[in-house]
N, C-alpha and C. Protein backbone atom coordinates (compact mmCIF):
# COMPACT_ATOMS: atom_id res chain seq x y z
N SER A 1 9.32 -10.86 -1.25
CA SER A 1 8.50 -11.19 0.22
C SER A 1 9.25 -9.88 0.62
N PHE A 2 8.53 -9.77 1.96
CA PHE A 2 8.95 -8.84 3.21
C PHE A 2 8.41 -9.24 4.31
N ARG A 3 8.66 -8.36 5.44
CA ARG A 3 8.42 -8.64 6.86
C ARG A 3 8.74 -7.27 7.17
N LEU A 4 7.40 -6.42 7.68
CA LEU A 4 7.42 -5.02 7.94
C LEU A 4 6.72 -4.88 8.98
N PRO A 5 7.02 -3.60 9.98
CA PRO A 5 6.15 -3.18 11.09
C PRO A 5 4.86 -2.45 10.57
N VAL A 6 3.88 -2.80 11.17
CA VAL A 6 2.36 -1.97 10.98
C VAL A 6 2.55 -0.81 11.26
N LEU A 7 2.32 0.44 10.90
CA LEU A 7 2.44 2.05 11.11
C LEU A 7 1.17 2.23 11.44
N ALA A 8 -0.34 1.35 10.49
CA ALA A 8 -1.48 1.88 10.82
C ALA A 8 -2.21 0.85 10.60
N ALA A 9 -3.10 0.18 11.36
CA ALA A 9 -4.06 -1.11 11.37
C ALA A 9 -5.03 -0.83 10.32
N GLY A 10 -5.30 -1.86 9.88
CA GLY A 10 -6.67 -1.69 9.20
C GLY A 10 -7.20 -2.66 8.22
N ASP A 11 -8.43 -3.37 8.03
CA ASP A 11 -8.89 -3.94 7.10
C ASP A 11 -8.05 -5.71 7.54
N GLY A 12 -8.03 -5.99 8.95
CA GLY A 12 -7.48 -7.27 8.69
C GLY A 12 -5.86 -7.49 9.21
N VAL A 13 -4.99 -5.96 9.11
CA VAL A 13 -4.03 -5.87 9.48
C VAL A 13 -3.65 -5.23 10.79
N GLY A 14 -2.90 -5.72 11.34
CA GLY A 14 -2.52 -5.01 12.67
C GLY A 14 -2.48 -6.02 13.90
N PRO A 15 -2.22 -5.48 14.83
CA PRO A 15 -2.64 -4.14 15.48
C PRO A 15 -1.08 -3.19 15.04
N ALA A 16 -0.74 -2.11 15.23
CA ALA A 16 0.40 -1.30 15.07
C ALA A 16 1.05 -1.53 15.71
N GLY A 17 2.39 -1.57 15.16
CA GLY A 17 4.09 -2.23 15.77
C GLY A 17 4.04 -3.82 15.71
N ALA A 18 2.92 -4.62 15.24
CA ALA A 18 3.08 -6.01 15.12
C ALA A 18 3.52 -5.56 13.74
N GLU A 19 4.28 -7.13 13.16
CA GLU A 19 4.75 -7.21 11.59
C GLU A 19 4.06 -8.24 10.97
N ILE A 20 4.09 -7.93 9.68
CA ILE A 20 3.34 -8.61 8.88
C ILE A 20 4.44 -9.01 7.56
N SER A 21 4.10 -10.05 6.89
CA SER A 21 5.02 -10.60 5.95
C SER A 21 3.89 -10.59 4.66
N LEU A 22 4.81 -10.62 3.26
CA LEU A 22 3.46 -10.60 2.33
C LEU A 22 2.94 -12.03 2.27
N GLU A 23 3.82 -13.20 3.05
CA GLU A 23 3.02 -14.33 3.06
C GLU A 23 1.53 -14.65 4.05
N ASP A 24 1.86 -13.75 4.59
CA ASP A 24 0.70 -13.82 5.60
C ASP A 24 -0.85 -13.15 4.85
N LEU A 25 -0.40 -13.09 3.62
CA LEU A 25 -1.51 -12.48 3.03
C LEU A 25 -1.91 -12.90 1.98
N ARG A 26 -1.36 -14.32 1.65
CA ARG A 26 -1.62 -14.93 0.47
C ARG A 26 -3.04 -15.47 0.49
N GLY A 27 -3.64 -15.53 -0.96
CA GLY A 27 -4.95 -15.77 -0.90
C GLY A 27 -5.88 -14.50 -1.35
N ARG A 28 -5.13 -13.50 -1.43
CA ARG A 28 -5.89 -12.08 -1.11
C ARG A 28 -4.84 -11.21 -2.32
N THR A 29 -5.64 -10.65 -3.03
CA THR A 29 -4.90 -9.64 -3.96
C THR A 29 -4.44 -8.27 -3.30
N VAL A 30 -3.49 -8.15 -3.45
CA VAL A 30 -2.91 -7.16 -2.42
C VAL A 30 -2.39 -5.68 -3.55
N ILE A 31 -2.71 -4.71 -3.21
CA ILE A 31 -2.35 -3.34 -4.27
C ILE A 31 -1.21 -2.64 -3.18
N LEU A 32 -0.04 -2.82 -3.19
CA LEU A 32 0.96 -2.54 -2.53
C LEU A 32 1.58 -1.01 -3.09
N ASN A 33 1.42 0.24 -2.49
CA ASN A 33 1.50 1.43 -2.54
C ASN A 33 2.48 1.96 -1.59
N PHE A 34 3.75 2.14 -2.40
CA PHE A 34 4.81 3.11 -1.69
C PHE A 34 4.80 4.33 -2.00
N TRP A 35 4.73 5.03 -0.66
CA TRP A 35 4.19 6.53 -0.49
C TRP A 35 5.29 7.11 0.51
N ALA A 36 5.20 8.69 0.68
CA ALA A 36 5.90 9.14 1.99
C ALA A 36 5.12 10.31 1.76
N SER A 37 5.27 11.13 3.22
CA SER A 37 4.71 11.92 3.75
C SER A 37 4.64 13.53 2.91
N TRP A 38 6.10 13.54 2.58
CA TRP A 38 6.61 14.63 2.03
C TRP A 38 6.31 14.58 0.26
N CYS A 39 5.92 13.56 -0.37
CA CYS A 39 5.74 13.56 -1.53
C CYS A 39 3.93 13.70 -2.10
N LYS A 40 4.24 15.00 -2.95
CA LYS A 40 3.26 15.44 -3.52
C LYS A 40 2.40 14.94 -4.39
N PRO A 41 2.74 14.07 -4.76
CA PRO A 41 2.04 12.93 -5.94
C PRO A 41 1.40 12.03 -4.83
N CYS A 42 1.82 11.80 -3.98
CA CYS A 42 0.91 10.70 -2.97
C CYS A 42 0.02 11.57 -2.50
N GLU A 43 0.14 12.49 -2.26
CA GLU A 43 -1.08 13.35 -1.40
C GLU A 43 -2.24 13.61 -2.58
N THR A 44 -1.85 13.74 -3.65
CA THR A 44 -2.72 13.41 -4.66
C THR A 44 -3.55 12.07 -5.39
N GLU A 45 -2.82 11.47 -5.32
CA GLU A 45 -3.39 9.75 -5.11
C GLU A 45 -4.01 9.16 -3.85
N ALA A 46 -4.02 9.87 -3.02
CA ALA A 46 -4.27 9.30 -1.62
C ALA A 46 -6.11 8.91 -1.57
N PRO A 47 -7.05 9.87 -2.12
CA PRO A 47 -8.35 9.69 -2.32
C PRO A 47 -8.25 8.56 -3.21
N VAL A 48 -7.65 8.28 -4.19
CA VAL A 48 -7.72 7.47 -5.24
C VAL A 48 -7.66 6.03 -4.46
N LEU A 49 -7.11 5.87 -3.72
CA LEU A 49 -6.34 4.87 -3.32
C LEU A 49 -7.35 4.33 -2.29
N GLU A 50 -7.96 5.31 -1.26
CA GLU A 50 -9.11 5.27 -0.32
C GLU A 50 -10.09 4.63 -1.27
N GLU A 51 -10.82 5.28 -2.10
CA GLU A 51 -11.95 4.70 -3.12
C GLU A 51 -11.56 3.42 -3.33
N ILE A 52 -10.60 2.84 -4.09
CA ILE A 52 -10.33 1.30 -3.86
C ILE A 52 -10.59 0.64 -2.98
N ALA A 53 -9.92 1.22 -1.57
CA ALA A 53 -9.95 0.22 -0.79
C ALA A 53 -11.43 0.12 -0.49
N ARG A 54 -12.05 0.97 -0.21
CA ARG A 54 -13.56 1.11 0.06
C ARG A 54 -14.51 0.16 -0.71
N ARG A 55 -14.23 0.43 -1.85
CA ARG A 55 -14.71 -0.35 -3.07
C ARG A 55 -14.69 -2.09 -2.86
N TYR A 56 -13.41 -2.15 -2.33
CA TYR A 56 -13.26 -3.82 -2.03
C TYR A 56 -13.46 -4.26 -0.85
N ARG A 57 -13.55 -3.44 0.12
CA ARG A 57 -13.61 -3.69 1.47
C ARG A 57 -14.37 -4.92 1.91
N ASP A 58 -15.68 -4.88 1.88
CA ASP A 58 -16.63 -5.78 2.32
C ASP A 58 -16.35 -7.20 1.31
N ARG A 59 -15.68 -7.02 0.41
CA ARG A 59 -15.43 -8.33 -0.63
C ARG A 59 -14.15 -9.36 0.36
N GLY A 60 -13.35 -8.46 0.89
CA GLY A 60 -12.35 -9.48 1.88
C GLY A 60 -11.15 -10.06 0.93
N ASP A 61 -11.34 -10.64 -0.26
CA ASP A 61 -10.42 -10.64 -1.06
C ASP A 61 -9.27 -9.69 -1.73
N VAL A 62 -9.46 -8.41 -1.58
CA VAL A 62 -8.40 -7.76 -2.04
C VAL A 62 -8.03 -6.29 -0.85
N LEU A 63 -6.73 -6.48 -1.04
CA LEU A 63 -6.16 -5.30 0.35
C LEU A 63 -5.69 -4.34 -0.44
N VAL A 64 -5.71 -3.08 -0.18
CA VAL A 64 -5.05 -2.11 -0.51
C VAL A 64 -4.00 -1.62 0.76
N LEU A 65 -2.72 -1.72 0.75
CA LEU A 65 -1.57 -1.80 1.64
C LEU A 65 -0.41 -0.79 1.17
N GLY A 66 -0.50 0.11 2.12
CA GLY A 66 0.40 0.88 2.10
C GLY A 66 1.90 0.91 3.03
N VAL A 67 2.97 1.35 2.05
CA VAL A 67 4.53 1.09 2.68
C VAL A 67 5.02 2.66 2.56
N ASP A 68 5.25 3.17 3.97
CA ASP A 68 6.07 4.28 4.03
C ASP A 68 7.41 4.49 4.04
N ILE A 69 8.10 4.98 3.12
CA ILE A 69 9.21 5.10 2.84
C ILE A 69 10.05 6.48 3.39
N GLU A 70 11.41 6.01 3.43
CA GLU A 70 12.09 7.73 3.74
C GLU A 70 11.22 8.61 4.64
N ASP A 71 10.81 8.26 5.49
CA ASP A 71 9.95 9.43 6.09
C ASP A 71 9.89 9.08 7.95
N LEU A 72 9.41 10.04 8.58
CA LEU A 72 9.61 9.92 9.83
C LEU A 72 8.29 9.47 10.58
N ARG A 73 8.08 8.53 11.11
CA ARG A 73 6.84 8.33 11.68
C ARG A 73 5.67 9.08 11.87
N GLY A 74 6.31 10.21 12.76
CA GLY A 74 5.41 11.48 13.01
C GLY A 74 4.58 11.92 11.62
N ASP A 75 5.38 12.10 10.81
CA ASP A 75 4.89 13.03 9.45
C ASP A 75 4.09 11.83 9.18
N ALA A 76 4.50 10.60 8.88
CA ALA A 76 3.52 9.54 8.23
C ALA A 76 2.42 9.51 8.89
N LEU A 77 2.22 9.53 10.01
CA LEU A 77 0.76 9.30 10.67
C LEU A 77 -0.13 10.86 10.82
N ALA A 78 0.85 11.47 10.59
CA ALA A 78 0.08 13.05 10.51
C ALA A 78 -0.70 12.82 9.32
N PHE A 79 0.02 12.23 8.12
CA PHE A 79 -0.16 12.05 6.47
C PHE A 79 -1.71 11.33 6.33
N LEU A 80 -1.54 10.20 7.37
CA LEU A 80 -2.59 9.28 7.46
C LEU A 80 -4.16 10.16 7.74
N ARG A 81 -3.60 10.50 9.00
CA ARG A 81 -4.74 11.44 9.36
C ARG A 81 -5.26 12.28 8.61
N ARG A 82 -4.58 13.37 8.21
CA ARG A 82 -4.98 14.42 7.05
C ARG A 82 -5.67 14.19 5.68
N HIS A 83 -5.28 12.75 5.24
CA HIS A 83 -5.83 12.42 4.31
C HIS A 83 -7.01 11.15 4.48
N ARG A 84 -7.45 11.07 5.63
CA ARG A 84 -8.59 9.79 6.31
C ARG A 84 -8.00 8.81 5.23
N ILE A 85 -6.82 8.04 5.79
CA ILE A 85 -6.49 7.11 5.08
C ILE A 85 -7.26 6.19 6.15
N THR A 86 -8.18 4.68 5.56
CA THR A 86 -8.20 4.11 6.35
C THR A 86 -7.86 2.68 6.45
N TYR A 87 -7.09 2.41 5.05
CA TYR A 87 -6.32 1.27 4.52
C TYR A 87 -5.18 1.06 5.47
N PRO A 88 -4.65 -0.17 5.63
CA PRO A 88 -3.32 -0.61 6.64
C PRO A 88 -2.22 0.17 6.05
N SER A 89 -1.35 0.68 6.66
CA SER A 89 0.17 0.95 6.33
C SER A 89 1.27 0.59 6.66
N LEU A 90 2.28 -0.02 6.25
CA LEU A 90 3.56 -0.14 6.88
C LEU A 90 4.49 0.72 7.10
N ARG A 91 5.80 0.32 7.74
CA ARG A 91 6.53 1.07 7.40
C ARG A 91 7.92 0.32 6.83
N ASP A 92 8.92 0.83 6.24
CA ASP A 92 9.94 0.31 5.51
C ASP A 92 11.13 0.90 6.43
N PRO A 93 11.66 0.76 7.66
CA PRO A 93 12.58 1.53 8.32
C PRO A 93 14.10 1.38 7.39
N THR A 94 14.32 0.25 7.00
CA THR A 94 15.71 0.21 6.62
C THR A 94 16.12 0.37 5.07
N ASP A 95 14.68 0.49 4.35
CA ASP A 95 14.65 0.88 3.01
C ASP A 95 14.96 -0.63 2.36
N ALA A 96 15.03 -2.18 3.02
CA ALA A 96 15.27 -3.31 2.28
C ALA A 96 14.16 -3.60 1.39
N THR A 97 13.11 -3.04 1.77
CA THR A 97 11.91 -3.44 0.75
C THR A 97 11.72 -2.50 -0.45
N LYS A 98 12.00 -1.30 -0.07
CA LYS A 98 12.20 -0.36 -1.40
C LYS A 98 13.16 -0.92 -2.17
N ARG A 99 14.39 -1.31 -1.69
CA ARG A 99 15.46 -2.09 -2.75
C ARG A 99 14.90 -3.03 -3.59
N ALA A 100 14.25 -4.10 -2.76
CA ALA A 100 14.09 -5.63 -3.28
C ALA A 100 13.06 -5.09 -4.41
N TYR A 101 12.25 -4.06 -4.12
CA TYR A 101 10.92 -4.04 -5.48
C TYR A 101 11.46 -2.80 -6.26
N GLU A 102 12.74 -2.65 -6.61
CA GLU A 102 13.66 -1.69 -7.36
C GLU A 102 12.98 -0.18 -7.64
N LEU A 103 12.47 0.21 -6.41
CA LEU A 103 11.62 1.61 -6.67
C LEU A 103 13.14 2.83 -7.20
N THR A 104 12.25 3.45 -7.84
CA THR A 104 12.97 4.86 -8.17
C THR A 104 12.32 5.74 -7.75
N GLY A 105 11.35 6.04 -7.37
CA GLY A 105 10.72 7.13 -6.40
C GLY A 105 9.43 6.91 -6.05
N VAL A 106 8.81 7.67 -5.60
CA VAL A 106 7.30 7.35 -4.61
C VAL A 106 6.62 8.68 -5.82
N PRO A 107 5.23 8.15 -5.92
CA PRO A 107 4.72 6.79 -5.56
C PRO A 107 5.09 5.68 -6.39
N GLU A 108 5.01 4.52 -5.91
CA GLU A 108 5.29 3.41 -6.74
C GLU A 108 3.78 2.37 -6.55
N THR A 109 3.52 1.69 -7.13
CA THR A 109 2.12 1.10 -6.75
C THR A 109 2.30 -0.35 -7.69
N PHE A 110 2.41 -1.47 -6.93
CA PHE A 110 2.47 -2.89 -7.34
C PHE A 110 0.63 -3.79 -6.87
N VAL A 111 0.32 -4.30 -8.06
CA VAL A 111 -0.97 -5.35 -7.79
C VAL A 111 -0.15 -6.96 -7.48
N ILE A 112 -0.28 -7.20 -6.70
CA ILE A 112 0.37 -8.72 -6.30
C ILE A 112 -1.25 -9.51 -6.19
N ASP A 113 -0.61 -10.60 -7.20
CA ASP A 113 -1.49 -11.76 -7.28
C ASP A 113 -2.08 -12.77 -5.97
N PRO A 114 -3.02 -13.45 -5.87
CA PRO A 114 -3.10 -14.18 -4.54
C PRO A 114 -2.08 -15.20 -4.23
N GLN A 115 -1.09 -15.63 -5.45
CA GLN A 115 -0.14 -16.33 -4.89
C GLN A 115 1.34 -15.58 -4.92
N GLY A 116 1.07 -14.51 -4.75
CA GLY A 116 2.42 -13.25 -4.06
C GLY A 116 3.48 -13.11 -5.45
N ARG A 117 2.57 -13.22 -6.68
CA ARG A 117 3.48 -13.02 -7.96
C ARG A 117 2.92 -10.98 -8.41
N VAL A 118 3.95 -10.48 -8.48
CA VAL A 118 3.36 -9.07 -9.36
C VAL A 118 2.61 -8.84 -10.61
N ALA A 119 1.96 -8.52 -10.65
CA ALA A 119 0.95 -8.57 -11.89
C ALA A 119 1.02 -7.57 -12.72
N LEU A 120 1.43 -6.45 -12.01
CA LEU A 120 1.28 -4.88 -12.40
C LEU A 120 2.09 -4.04 -11.62
N LYS A 121 2.73 -3.17 -12.33
CA LYS A 121 3.69 -2.26 -11.77
C LYS A 121 3.09 -0.99 -12.40
N ARG A 122 2.84 0.11 -11.68
CA ARG A 122 2.47 1.47 -11.70
C ARG A 122 3.53 2.29 -11.30
N VAL A 123 4.06 2.91 -12.37
CA VAL A 123 5.41 4.02 -11.50
C VAL A 123 4.55 5.58 -11.67
N GLY A 124 4.81 6.27 -10.77
CA GLY A 124 3.99 7.47 -10.84
C GLY A 124 2.81 7.50 -10.15
N GLU A 125 2.24 8.50 -9.94
CA GLU A 125 1.05 8.53 -9.60
C GLU A 125 -0.39 8.02 -10.08
N VAL A 126 -0.98 7.01 -9.22
CA VAL A 126 -2.35 6.52 -9.55
C VAL A 126 -3.39 7.62 -9.89
N ARG A 127 -3.70 8.04 -10.82
CA ARG A 127 -5.08 9.02 -11.28
C ARG A 127 -6.17 8.78 -10.96
N THR A 128 -6.76 7.49 -11.54
CA THR A 128 -8.20 7.14 -11.58
C THR A 128 -7.72 5.71 -10.87
N ALA A 129 -9.05 5.27 -10.34
CA ALA A 129 -9.20 4.02 -9.49
C ALA A 129 -8.94 2.70 -10.93
N GLU A 130 -9.67 2.95 -11.97
CA GLU A 130 -9.34 2.12 -13.21
C GLU A 130 -7.95 1.55 -13.36
N GLU A 131 -6.97 2.25 -13.12
CA GLU A 131 -5.92 2.12 -13.37
C GLU A 131 -4.98 0.61 -12.88
N LEU A 132 -5.62 0.78 -11.57
CA LEU A 132 -5.57 -0.86 -10.76
C LEU A 132 -6.74 -1.21 -10.63
N THR A 133 -7.95 -1.02 -10.78
CA THR A 133 -9.12 -1.88 -10.59
C THR A 133 -9.13 -3.04 -11.97
N THR A 134 -8.77 -2.30 -12.70
CA THR A 134 -8.96 -3.42 -14.33
C THR A 134 -7.95 -4.76 -14.13
N ALA A 135 -6.89 -4.27 -13.41
CA ALA A 135 -5.85 -5.47 -13.50
C ALA A 135 -6.17 -6.39 -12.18
N VAL A 136 -7.06 -5.19 -11.61
CA VAL A 136 -7.60 -6.40 -9.78
C VAL A 136 -8.77 -7.44 -10.54
N GLU A 137 -9.67 -6.78 -11.30
CA GLU A 137 -10.77 -7.86 -11.77
C GLU A 137 -10.20 -8.87 -12.68
N GLN A 138 -9.02 -8.91 -13.35
CA GLN A 138 -8.24 -9.67 -13.96
C GLN A 138 -7.98 -10.55 -13.31
N LEU A 139 -7.38 -10.33 -12.14
CA LEU A 139 -7.03 -11.66 -11.56
C LEU A 139 -8.11 -12.16 -10.55
């Protein structure tokens, strides 16, 4: 679990500056993507994650949620604007969540089931929506 400040609000998560925990999202499948503005593969996968967020937005039971790590707040916000990201993002200012999820780098993505359990871990860039949506549909 984690409790992190909202960097950018969206899809019922927010407002910016508020804190949210994984427990607040129980009952929903969460696609949790760790990223940073300086990460080139994060730039490449950003439109894929946006596509997934838009695909599930109206259903309400699946949430794409970014977690910005090792970054300056202004750079992270500029990244979100530049890539037209509409799904919410959080900040991990102390790296505690990064350590808890045992990240080896960015990007890394986790599919978390409605009970809060990790169902899939994807190390590296997500290149196609199906890499994650297959697991989401199985849940």
